[in-house]
All heavy atoms as atom14 arrays in JSON, in Angstrom:
{
  "sequence": "TEPEETIIAHVATLAGLIPVVGFYLQPAVGGRVFSYSFWRRFAEIPG",
  "atom14_mask": [
    [1, 1, 1, 1, 1, 1, 1, 0, 0, 0, 0, 0, 0, 0],
    [1, 1, 1, 1, 1, 1, 1, 1, 1, 0, 0, 0, 0, 0],
    [1, 1, 1, 1, 1, 1, 1, 0, 0, 0, 0, 0, 0, 0],
    [1, 1, 1, 1, 1, 1, 1, 1, 1, 0, 0, 0, 0, 0],
    [1, 1, 1, 1, 1, 1, 1, 1, 1, 0, 0, 0, 0, 0],
    [1, 1, 1, 1, 1, 1, 1, 0, 0, 0, 0, 0, 0, 0],
    [1, 1, 1, 1, 1, 1, 1, 1, 0, 0, 0, 0, 0, 0],
    [1, 1, 1, 1, 1, 1, 1, 1, 0, 0, 0, 0, 0, 0],
    [1, 1, 1, 1, 1, 0, 0, 0, 0, 0, 0, 0, 0, 0],
    [1, 1, 1, 1, 1, 1, 1, 1, 1, 1, 0, 0, 0, 0],
    [1, 1, 1, 1, 1, 1, 1, 0, 0, 0, 0, 0, 0, 0],
    [1, 1, 1, 1, 1, 0, 0, 0, 0, 0, 0, 0, 0, 0],
    [1, 1, 1, 1, 1, 1, 1, 0, 0, 0, 0, 0, 0, 0],
    [1, 1, 1, 1, 1, 1, 1, 1, 0, 0, 0, 0, 0, 0],
    [1, 1, 1, 1, 1, 0, 0, 0, 0, 0, 0, 0, 0, 0],
    [1, 1, 1, 1, 0, 0, 0, 0, 0, 0, 0, 0, 0, 0],
    [1, 1, 1, 1, 1, 1, 1, 1, 0, 0, 0, 0, 0, 0],
    [1, 1, 1, 1, 1, 1, 1, 1, 0, 0, 0, 0, 0, 0],
    [1, 1, 1, 1, 1, 1, 1, 0, 0, 0, 0, 0, 0, 0],
    [1, 1, 1, 1, 1, 1, 1, 0, 0, 0, 0, 0, 0, 0],
    [1, 1, 1, 1, 1, 1, 1, 0, 0, 0, 0, 0, 0, 0],
    [1, 1, 1, 1, 0, 0, 0, 0, 0, 0, 0, 0, 0, 0],
    [1, 1, 1, 1, 1, 1, 1, 1, 1, 1, 1, 0, 0, 0],
    [1, 1, 1, 1, 1, 1, 1, 1, 1, 1, 1, 1, 0, 0],
    [1, 1, 1, 1, 1, 1, 1, 1, 0, 0, 0, 0, 0, 0],
    [1, 1, 1, 1, 1, 1, 1, 1, 1, 0, 0, 0, 0, 0],
    [1, 1, 1, 1, 1, 1, 1, 0, 0, 0, 0, 0, 0, 0],
    [1, 1, 1, 1, 1, 0, 0, 0, 0, 0, 0, 0, 0, 0],
    [1, 1, 1, 1, 1, 1, 1, 0, 0, 0, 0, 0, 0, 0],
    [1, 1, 1, 1, 0, 0, 0, 0, 0, 0, 0, 0, 0, 0],
    [1, 1, 1, 1, 0, 0, 0, 0, 0, 0, 0, 0, 0, 0],
    [1, 1, 1, 1, 1, 1, 1, 1, 1, 1, 1, 0, 0, 0],
    [1, 1, 1, 1, 1, 1, 1, 0, 0, 0, 0, 0, 0, 0],
    [1, 1, 1, 1, 1, 1, 1, 1, 1, 1, 1, 0, 0, 0],
    [1, 1, 1, 1, 1, 1, 0, 0, 0, 0, 0, 0, 0, 0],
    [1, 1, 1, 1, 1, 1, 1, 1, 1, 1, 1, 1, 0, 0],
    [1, 1, 1, 1, 1, 1, 0, 0, 0, 0, 0, 0, 0, 0],
    [1, 1, 1, 1, 1, 1, 1, 1, 1, 1, 1, 0, 0, 0],
    [1, 1, 1, 1, 1, 1, 1, 1, 1, 1, 1, 1, 1, 1],
    [1, 1, 1, 1, 1, 1, 1, 1, 1, 1, 1, 0, 0, 0],
    [1, 1, 1, 1, 1, 1, 1, 1, 1, 1, 1, 0, 0, 0],
    [1, 1, 1, 1, 1, 1, 1, 1, 1, 1, 1, 0, 0, 0],
    [1, 1, 1, 1, 1, 0, 0, 0, 0, 0, 0, 0, 0, 0],
    [1, 1, 1, 1, 1, 1, 1, 1, 1, 0, 0, 0, 0, 0],
    [1, 1, 1, 1, 1, 1, 1, 1, 0, 0, 0, 0, 0, 0],
    [1, 1, 1, 1, 1, 1, 1, 0, 0, 0, 0, 0, 0, 0],
    [1, 1, 1, 1, 0, 0, 0, 0, 0, 0, 0, 0, 0, 0]
  ],
  "atom14_positions": [
    [[92.17, 115.5, 78.07], [91.33, 116.69, 77.88], [90.47, 117.01, 79.1], [89.72, 117.98, 79.07], [90.41, 116.5, 76.66], [89.58, 115.34, 76.86], [91.22, 116.31, 75.39], [0.0, 0.0, 0.0], [0.0, 0.0, 0.0], [0.0, 0.0, 0.0], [0.0, 0.0, 0.0], [0.0, 0.0, 0.0], [0.0, 0.0, 0.0], [0.0, 0.0, 0.0]],
    [[90.58, 116.2, 80.14], [89.74, 116.42, 81.33], [90.09, 117.74, 82.02], [91.22, 118.23, 81.91], [89.92, 115.26, 82.32], [89.23, 113.97, 81.91], [89.95, 113.24, 80.8], [91.07, 113.67, 80.42], [89.4, 112.26, 80.29], [0.0, 0.0, 0.0], [0.0, 0.0, 0.0], [0.0, 0.0, 0.0], [0.0, 0.0, 0.0], [0.0, 0.0, 0.0]],
    [[89.14, 118.32, 82.74], [89.43, 119.53, 83.5], [90.55, 119.29, 84.52], [90.7, 118.17, 85.04], [88.1, 119.84, 84.21], [87.07, 119.1, 83.44], [87.74, 117.88, 82.89], [0.0, 0.0, 0.0], [0.0, 0.0, 0.0], [0.0, 0.0, 0.0], [0.0, 0.0, 0.0], [0.0, 0.0, 0.0], [0.0, 0.0, 0.0], [0.0, 0.0, 0.0]],
    [[91.29, 120.34, 84.8], [92.39, 120.2, 85.75], [91.88, 119.76, 87.13], [92.59, 119.03, 87.85], [93.16, 121.52, 85.85], [93.92, 121.85, 84.57], [94.72, 123.13, 84.65], [94.45, 123.96, 85.56], [95.63, 123.3, 83.82], [0.0, 0.0, 0.0], [0.0, 0.0, 0.0], [0.0, 0.0, 0.0], [0.0, 0.0, 0.0], [0.0, 0.0, 0.0]],
    [[90.68, 120.15, 87.49], [90.13, 119.75, 88.79], [90.02, 118.22, 88.9], [90.23, 117.64, 89.97], [88.73, 120.36, 88.99], [88.73, 121.87, 89.17], [88.89, 122.63, 87.86], [88.89, 121.99, 86.79], [89.04, 123.88, 87.92], [0.0, 0.0, 0.0], [0.0, 0.0, 0.0], [0.0, 0.0, 0.0], [0.0, 0.0, 0.0], [0.0, 0.0, 0.0]],
    [[89.72, 117.56, 87.79], [89.62, 116.1, 87.79], [90.97, 115.47, 88.1], [91.06, 114.47, 88.84], [89.11, 115.61, 86.42], [87.82, 116.18, 86.16], [89.01, 114.09, 86.37], [0.0, 0.0, 0.0], [0.0, 0.0, 0.0], [0.0, 0.0, 0.0], [0.0, 0.0, 0.0], [0.0, 0.0, 0.0], [0.0, 0.0, 0.0], [0.0, 0.0, 0.0]],
    [[92.01, 116.05, 87.55], [93.35, 115.49, 87.77], [93.81, 115.75, 89.2], [94.45, 114.89, 89.82], [94.34, 116.08, 86.74], [93.82, 115.84, 85.32], [95.72, 115.47, 86.91], [94.62, 116.52, 84.24], [0.0, 0.0, 0.0], [0.0, 0.0, 0.0], [0.0, 0.0, 0.0], [0.0, 0.0, 0.0], [0.0, 0.0, 0.0], [0.0, 0.0, 0.0]],
    [[93.49, 116.92, 89.73], [93.83, 117.21, 91.13], [93.18, 116.18, 92.05], [93.81, 115.65, 92.98], [93.39, 118.64, 91.51], [94.22, 119.69, 90.75], [93.5, 118.85, 93.02], [95.68, 119.74, 91.14], [0.0, 0.0, 0.0], [0.0, 0.0, 0.0], [0.0, 0.0, 0.0], [0.0, 0.0, 0.0], [0.0, 0.0, 0.0], [0.0, 0.0, 0.0]],
    [[91.92, 115.86, 91.79], [91.21, 114.87, 92.61], [91.86, 113.5, 92.47], [91.98, 112.75, 93.46], [89.74, 114.81, 92.21], [0.0, 0.0, 0.0], [0.0, 0.0, 0.0], [0.0, 0.0, 0.0], [0.0, 0.0, 0.0], [0.0, 0.0, 0.0], [0.0, 0.0, 0.0], [0.0, 0.0, 0.0], [0.0, 0.0, 0.0], [0.0, 0.0, 0.0]],
    [[92.28, 113.17, 91.27], [92.96, 111.9, 91.02], [94.25, 111.79, 91.82], [94.5, 110.8, 92.52], [93.26, 111.8, 89.51], [94.18, 110.69, 89.12], [93.8, 109.37, 89.08], [95.49, 110.71, 88.72], [94.81, 108.62, 88.68], [95.85, 109.42, 88.46], [0.0, 0.0, 0.0], [0.0, 0.0, 0.0], [0.0, 0.0, 0.0], [0.0, 0.0, 0.0]],
    [[95.07, 112.84, 91.76], [96.34, 112.83, 92.48], [96.11, 112.8, 94.0], [96.81, 112.1, 94.74], [97.2, 114.04, 92.08], [98.46, 114.11, 92.93], [97.56, 113.97, 90.6], [0.0, 0.0, 0.0], [0.0, 0.0, 0.0], [0.0, 0.0, 0.0], [0.0, 0.0, 0.0], [0.0, 0.0, 0.0], [0.0, 0.0, 0.0], [0.0, 0.0, 0.0]],
    [[95.12, 113.54, 94.46], [94.81, 113.55, 95.89], [94.42, 112.17, 96.38], [94.8, 111.75, 97.49], [93.7, 114.57, 96.19], [0.0, 0.0, 0.0], [0.0, 0.0, 0.0], [0.0, 0.0, 0.0], [0.0, 0.0, 0.0], [0.0, 0.0, 0.0], [0.0, 0.0, 0.0], [0.0, 0.0, 0.0], [0.0, 0.0, 0.0], [0.0, 0.0, 0.0]],
    [[93.68, 111.44, 95.57], [93.3, 110.07, 95.94], [94.54, 109.19, 96.08], [94.69, 108.45, 97.06], [92.36, 109.47, 94.88], [91.15, 110.23, 94.85], [92.04, 108.02, 95.19], [0.0, 0.0, 0.0], [0.0, 0.0, 0.0], [0.0, 0.0, 0.0], [0.0, 0.0, 0.0], [0.0, 0.0, 0.0], [0.0, 0.0, 0.0], [0.0, 0.0, 0.0]],
    [[95.45, 109.28, 95.12], [96.66, 108.47, 95.17], [97.56, 108.89, 96.33], [98.18, 108.04, 96.99], [97.42, 108.6, 93.85], [96.71, 108.05, 92.61], [97.51, 108.35, 91.36], [96.45, 106.56, 92.75], [0.0, 0.0, 0.0], [0.0, 0.0, 0.0], [0.0, 0.0, 0.0], [0.0, 0.0, 0.0], [0.0, 0.0, 0.0], [0.0, 0.0, 0.0]],
    [[97.62, 110.2, 96.59], [98.46, 110.7, 97.68], [97.95, 110.25, 99.04], [98.7, 110.28, 100.02], [98.55, 112.22, 97.62], [0.0, 0.0, 0.0], [0.0, 0.0, 0.0], [0.0, 0.0, 0.0], [0.0, 0.0, 0.0], [0.0, 0.0, 0.0], [0.0, 0.0, 0.0], [0.0, 0.0, 0.0], [0.0, 0.0, 0.0], [0.0, 0.0, 0.0]],
    [[96.7, 109.83, 99.11], [96.19, 109.26, 100.34], [96.65, 107.83, 100.57], [96.52, 107.3, 101.68], [0.0, 0.0, 0.0], [0.0, 0.0, 0.0], [0.0, 0.0, 0.0], [0.0, 0.0, 0.0], [0.0, 0.0, 0.0], [0.0, 0.0, 0.0], [0.0, 0.0, 0.0], [0.0, 0.0, 0.0], [0.0, 0.0, 0.0], [0.0, 0.0, 0.0]],
    [[97.22, 107.23, 99.51], [97.7, 105.85, 99.6], [99.21, 105.76, 99.72], [99.74, 104.92, 100.45], [97.27, 105.07, 98.34], [95.77, 104.91, 98.09], [95.54, 104.29, 96.72], [95.16, 104.03, 99.18], [0.0, 0.0, 0.0], [0.0, 0.0, 0.0], [0.0, 0.0, 0.0], [0.0, 0.0, 0.0], [0.0, 0.0, 0.0], [0.0, 0.0, 0.0]],
    [[99.93, 106.62, 98.97], [101.37, 106.53, 98.85], [101.93, 107.93, 98.61], [101.28, 108.74, 97.95], [101.75, 105.57, 97.67], [103.26, 105.29, 97.62], [101.24, 106.11, 96.35], [103.62, 104.19, 96.63], [0.0, 0.0, 0.0], [0.0, 0.0, 0.0], [0.0, 0.0, 0.0], [0.0, 0.0, 0.0], [0.0, 0.0, 0.0], [0.0, 0.0, 0.0]],
    [[103.09, 108.25, 99.14], [103.69, 109.56, 98.84], [103.84, 109.75, 97.33], [104.25, 108.83, 96.61], [105.06, 109.49, 99.54], [104.84, 108.53, 100.66], [103.89, 107.49, 100.12], [0.0, 0.0, 0.0], [0.0, 0.0, 0.0], [0.0, 0.0, 0.0], [0.0, 0.0, 0.0], [0.0, 0.0, 0.0], [0.0, 0.0, 0.0], [0.0, 0.0, 0.0]],
    [[103.51, 110.94, 96.87], [103.45, 111.22, 95.43], [104.58, 112.12, 94.99], [104.89, 113.13, 95.64], [102.09, 111.86, 95.06], [102.15, 112.59, 93.72], [101.0, 110.79, 95.03], [0.0, 0.0, 0.0], [0.0, 0.0, 0.0], [0.0, 0.0, 0.0], [0.0, 0.0, 0.0], [0.0, 0.0, 0.0], [0.0, 0.0, 0.0], [0.0, 0.0, 0.0]],
    [[105.19, 111.74, 93.88], [106.09, 112.62, 93.14], [105.32, 113.09, 91.91], [104.93, 112.29, 91.07], [107.38, 111.9, 92.71], [108.27, 112.83, 91.89], [108.13, 111.37, 93.93], [0.0, 0.0, 0.0], [0.0, 0.0, 0.0], [0.0, 0.0, 0.0], [0.0, 0.0, 0.0], [0.0, 0.0, 0.0], [0.0, 0.0, 0.0], [0.0, 0.0, 0.0]],
    [[105.03, 114.39, 91.84], [104.33, 114.93, 90.69], [105.2, 114.88, 89.45], [106.42, 114.75, 89.53], [0.0, 0.0, 0.0], [0.0, 0.0, 0.0], [0.0, 0.0, 0.0], [0.0, 0.0, 0.0], [0.0, 0.0, 0.0], [0.0, 0.0, 0.0], [0.0, 0.0, 0.0], [0.0, 0.0, 0.0], [0.0, 0.0, 0.0], [0.0, 0.0, 0.0]],
    [[104.55, 115.0, 88.28], [105.29, 114.82, 87.03], [104.73, 115.74, 85.96], [103.63, 115.53, 85.47], [105.17, 113.35, 86.6], [106.03, 112.94, 85.43], [107.0, 113.77, 84.91], [105.87, 111.68, 84.86], [107.79, 113.38, 83.84], [106.64, 111.27, 83.79], [107.6, 112.12, 83.27], [0.0, 0.0, 0.0], [0.0, 0.0, 0.0], [0.0, 0.0, 0.0]],
    [[105.51, 116.78, 85.62], [105.13, 117.67, 84.52], [105.85, 117.18, 83.28], [107.03, 117.45, 83.09], [105.52, 119.11, 84.84], [104.79, 120.16, 84.02], [104.85, 121.5, 84.39], [104.03, 119.83, 82.91], [104.18, 122.48, 83.67], [103.35, 120.79, 82.18], [103.42, 122.12, 82.57], [102.75, 123.08, 81.85], [0.0, 0.0, 0.0], [0.0, 0.0, 0.0]],
    [[105.14, 116.46, 82.43], [105.73, 115.82, 81.25], [105.47, 116.66, 80.01], [104.36, 117.12, 79.78], [105.11, 114.43, 81.08], [105.54, 113.61, 79.86], [107.03, 113.27, 79.95], [104.7, 112.34, 79.76], [0.0, 0.0, 0.0], [0.0, 0.0, 0.0], [0.0, 0.0, 0.0], [0.0, 0.0, 0.0], [0.0, 0.0, 0.0], [0.0, 0.0, 0.0]],
    [[106.5, 116.79, 79.18], [106.35, 117.59, 77.97], [105.36, 116.96, 76.99], [105.27, 115.73, 76.87], [107.72, 117.76, 77.29], [108.37, 116.47, 76.85], [109.42, 116.71, 75.78], [109.3, 117.6, 74.96], [110.47, 115.89, 75.8], [0.0, 0.0, 0.0], [0.0, 0.0, 0.0], [0.0, 0.0, 0.0], [0.0, 0.0, 0.0], [0.0, 0.0, 0.0]],
    [[104.6, 117.78, 76.27], [103.61, 117.27, 75.33], [104.19, 116.39, 74.23], [103.5, 115.49, 73.72], [102.98, 118.53, 74.75], [103.17, 119.57, 75.82], [104.49, 119.24, 76.44], [0.0, 0.0, 0.0], [0.0, 0.0, 0.0], [0.0, 0.0, 0.0], [0.0, 0.0, 0.0], [0.0, 0.0, 0.0], [0.0, 0.0, 0.0], [0.0, 0.0, 0.0]],
    [[105.45, 116.6, 73.85], [106.05, 115.84, 72.74], [106.08, 114.35, 73.01], [106.14, 113.54, 72.07], [107.47, 116.35, 72.47], [0.0, 0.0, 0.0], [0.0, 0.0, 0.0], [0.0, 0.0, 0.0], [0.0, 0.0, 0.0], [0.0, 0.0, 0.0], [0.0, 0.0, 0.0], [0.0, 0.0, 0.0], [0.0, 0.0, 0.0], [0.0, 0.0, 0.0]],
    [[106.06, 113.95, 74.27], [106.1, 112.52, 74.59], [104.88, 112.11, 75.42], [104.95, 111.19, 76.23], [107.42, 112.12, 75.3], [108.58, 112.18, 74.33], [107.69, 113.0, 76.51], [0.0, 0.0, 0.0], [0.0, 0.0, 0.0], [0.0, 0.0, 0.0], [0.0, 0.0, 0.0], [0.0, 0.0, 0.0], [0.0, 0.0, 0.0], [0.0, 0.0, 0.0]],
    [[103.77, 112.81, 75.21], [102.52, 112.36, 75.8], [101.96, 113.18, 76.94], [100.89, 112.86, 77.46], [0.0, 0.0, 0.0], [0.0, 0.0, 0.0], [0.0, 0.0, 0.0], [0.0, 0.0, 0.0], [0.0, 0.0, 0.0], [0.0, 0.0, 0.0], [0.0, 0.0, 0.0], [0.0, 0.0, 0.0], [0.0, 0.0, 0.0], [0.0, 0.0, 0.0]],
    [[102.66, 114.23, 77.34], [102.16, 115.07, 78.43], [101.21, 116.13, 77.92], [100.79, 116.14, 76.76], [0.0, 0.0, 0.0], [0.0, 0.0, 0.0], [0.0, 0.0, 0.0], [0.0, 0.0, 0.0], [0.0, 0.0, 0.0], [0.0, 0.0, 0.0], [0.0, 0.0, 0.0], [0.0, 0.0, 0.0], [0.0, 0.0, 0.0], [0.0, 0.0, 0.0]],
    [[100.85, 117.06, 78.8], [100.01, 118.2, 78.42], [100.44, 119.42, 79.22], [101.13, 119.29, 80.24], [98.52, 117.9, 78.66], [98.17, 117.6, 80.09], [96.68, 117.29, 80.27], [95.88, 118.5, 80.49], [94.58, 118.47, 80.8], [93.93, 117.32, 80.89], [93.91, 119.59, 80.99], [0.0, 0.0, 0.0], [0.0, 0.0, 0.0], [0.0, 0.0, 0.0]],
    [[100.03, 120.58, 78.74], [100.38, 121.83, 79.41], [99.37, 122.08, 80.53], [98.16, 121.93, 80.33], [100.39, 123.0, 78.41], [100.62, 124.32, 79.13], [101.47, 122.77, 77.35], [0.0, 0.0, 0.0], [0.0, 0.0, 0.0], [0.0, 0.0, 0.0], [0.0, 0.0, 0.0], [0.0, 0.0, 0.0], [0.0, 0.0, 0.0], [0.0, 0.0, 0.0]],
    [[99.9, 122.46, 81.7], [99.04, 122.79, 82.84], [99.22, 124.26, 83.19], [100.28, 124.85, 82.96], [99.4, 121.93, 84.05], [99.03, 120.48, 83.89], [100.0, 119.53, 83.61], [97.71, 120.06, 84.0], [99.68, 118.19, 83.46], [97.38, 118.73, 83.84], [98.35, 117.78, 83.57], [0.0, 0.0, 0.0], [0.0, 0.0, 0.0], [0.0, 0.0, 0.0]],
    [[98.21, 124.82, 83.81], [98.26, 126.22, 84.22], [99.02, 126.37, 85.53], [99.23, 125.4, 86.27], [96.83, 126.75, 84.41], [96.2, 126.1, 85.51], [0.0, 0.0, 0.0], [0.0, 0.0, 0.0], [0.0, 0.0, 0.0], [0.0, 0.0, 0.0], [0.0, 0.0, 0.0], [0.0, 0.0, 0.0], [0.0, 0.0, 0.0], [0.0, 0.0, 0.0]],
    [[99.41, 127.61, 85.81], [100.0, 127.9, 87.11], [99.03, 127.51, 88.23], [99.44, 126.93, 89.25], [100.36, 129.38, 87.23], [100.52, 129.83, 88.66], [101.7, 129.6, 89.35], [99.45, 130.42, 89.35], [101.83, 129.97, 90.69], [99.57, 130.79, 90.67], [100.76, 130.56, 91.34], [100.88, 130.91, 92.65], [0.0, 0.0, 0.0], [0.0, 0.0, 0.0]],
    [[97.75, 127.8, 88.05], [96.78, 127.52, 89.11], [96.67, 126.03, 89.39], [96.4, 125.62, 90.52], [95.41, 128.11, 88.77], [94.88, 127.51, 87.61], [0.0, 0.0, 0.0], [0.0, 0.0, 0.0], [0.0, 0.0, 0.0], [0.0, 0.0, 0.0], [0.0, 0.0, 0.0], [0.0, 0.0, 0.0], [0.0, 0.0, 0.0], [0.0, 0.0, 0.0]],
    [[96.87, 125.21, 88.35], [96.87, 123.76, 88.57], [97.99, 123.39, 89.55], [97.76, 122.66, 90.53], [97.09, 123.01, 87.25], [97.34, 121.53, 87.42], [96.28, 120.65, 87.56], [98.64, 121.03, 87.46], [96.52, 119.28, 87.74], [98.88, 119.68, 87.63], [97.82, 118.8, 87.77], [0.0, 0.0, 0.0], [0.0, 0.0, 0.0], [0.0, 0.0, 0.0]],
    [[99.19, 123.88, 89.31], [100.31, 123.51, 90.18], [100.16, 124.13, 91.57], [100.6, 123.54, 92.56], [101.63, 123.92, 89.52], [101.91, 123.07, 88.33], [101.86, 123.42, 87.02], [102.23, 121.67, 88.35], [102.14, 122.35, 86.22], [102.37, 121.26, 87.01], [102.42, 120.74, 89.38], [102.69, 119.94, 86.66], [102.75, 119.42, 89.04], [102.87, 119.03, 87.69]],
    [[99.5, 125.28, 91.64], [99.26, 125.88, 92.96], [98.34, 124.98, 93.78], [98.57, 124.77, 94.97], [98.65, 127.27, 92.76], [98.34, 128.01, 94.05], [99.6, 128.3, 94.87], [99.28, 129.02, 96.08], [98.79, 128.46, 97.17], [98.56, 127.15, 97.19], [98.53, 129.17, 98.25], [0.0, 0.0, 0.0], [0.0, 0.0, 0.0], [0.0, 0.0, 0.0]],
    [[97.29, 124.44, 93.16], [96.4, 123.51, 93.86], [97.09, 122.17, 94.1], [96.89, 121.55, 95.14], [95.11, 123.33, 93.05], [94.16, 124.53, 93.13], [93.0, 124.38, 92.18], [93.45, 124.53, 90.81], [92.73, 124.17, 89.74], [91.54, 123.62, 89.9], [93.19, 124.36, 88.53], [0.0, 0.0, 0.0], [0.0, 0.0, 0.0], [0.0, 0.0, 0.0]],
    [[97.89, 121.75, 93.15], [98.64, 120.5, 93.3], [99.52, 120.58, 94.55], [99.63, 119.62, 95.32], [99.51, 120.3, 92.05], [100.14, 118.95, 91.92], [99.59, 118.0, 91.07], [101.3, 118.61, 92.61], [100.17, 116.75, 90.92], [101.88, 117.37, 92.47], [101.31, 116.43, 91.62], [0.0, 0.0, 0.0], [0.0, 0.0, 0.0], [0.0, 0.0, 0.0]],
    [[100.15, 121.75, 94.75], [101.06, 121.92, 95.89], [100.35, 121.86, 97.24], [100.99, 121.68, 98.28], [101.8, 123.25, 95.76], [0.0, 0.0, 0.0], [0.0, 0.0, 0.0], [0.0, 0.0, 0.0], [0.0, 0.0, 0.0], [0.0, 0.0, 0.0], [0.0, 0.0, 0.0], [0.0, 0.0, 0.0], [0.0, 0.0, 0.0], [0.0, 0.0, 0.0]],
    [[99.04, 122.01, 97.23], [98.29, 121.96, 98.49], [97.94, 120.53, 98.91], [97.43, 120.33, 100.02], [97.0, 122.78, 98.35], [97.26, 124.27, 98.18], [96.0, 125.05, 97.89], [94.94, 124.42, 97.71], [96.08, 126.29, 97.83], [0.0, 0.0, 0.0], [0.0, 0.0, 0.0], [0.0, 0.0, 0.0], [0.0, 0.0, 0.0], [0.0, 0.0, 0.0]],
    [[98.23, 119.54, 98.07], [97.95, 118.13, 98.42], [98.99, 117.68, 99.43], [100.19, 117.67, 99.12], [97.97, 117.25, 97.16], [96.91, 117.72, 96.16], [97.75, 115.79, 97.54], [96.99, 117.03, 94.81], [0.0, 0.0, 0.0], [0.0, 0.0, 0.0], [0.0, 0.0, 0.0], [0.0, 0.0, 0.0], [0.0, 0.0, 0.0], [0.0, 0.0, 0.0]],
    [[98.58, 117.32, 100.63], [99.57, 117.02, 101.68], [100.54, 115.9, 101.32], [101.71, 115.94, 101.71], [98.7, 116.63, 102.89], [97.38, 117.29, 102.63], [97.2, 117.27, 101.15], [0.0, 0.0, 0.0], [0.0, 0.0, 0.0], [0.0, 0.0, 0.0], [0.0, 0.0, 0.0], [0.0, 0.0, 0.0], [0.0, 0.0, 0.0], [0.0, 0.0, 0.0]],
    [[100.07, 114.89, 100.6], [100.92, 113.74, 100.31], [101.92, 113.94, 99.2], [102.69, 113.01, 98.88], [0.0, 0.0, 0.0], [0.0, 0.0, 0.0], [0.0, 0.0, 0.0], [0.0, 0.0, 0.0], [0.0, 0.0, 0.0], [0.0, 0.0, 0.0], [0.0, 0.0, 0.0], [0.0, 0.0, 0.0], [0.0, 0.0, 0.0], [0.0, 0.0, 0.0]]
  ]
}
C-alpha cells in the first residue's frame, strides 16, 4: 500500500548495487497495479 514514490526509491537503491530487471506482477499472485507514471519514473532509473 506504500506510495509509488517509495517503491521507486527502493528500486533505485538496488539498481545502484546490481543491474535490475523490473517486475510487473499480476495481483492474483501477490502483485499490485501500478500507474503509467510509475513506470515512466521507473524507466528513468539508470540501472
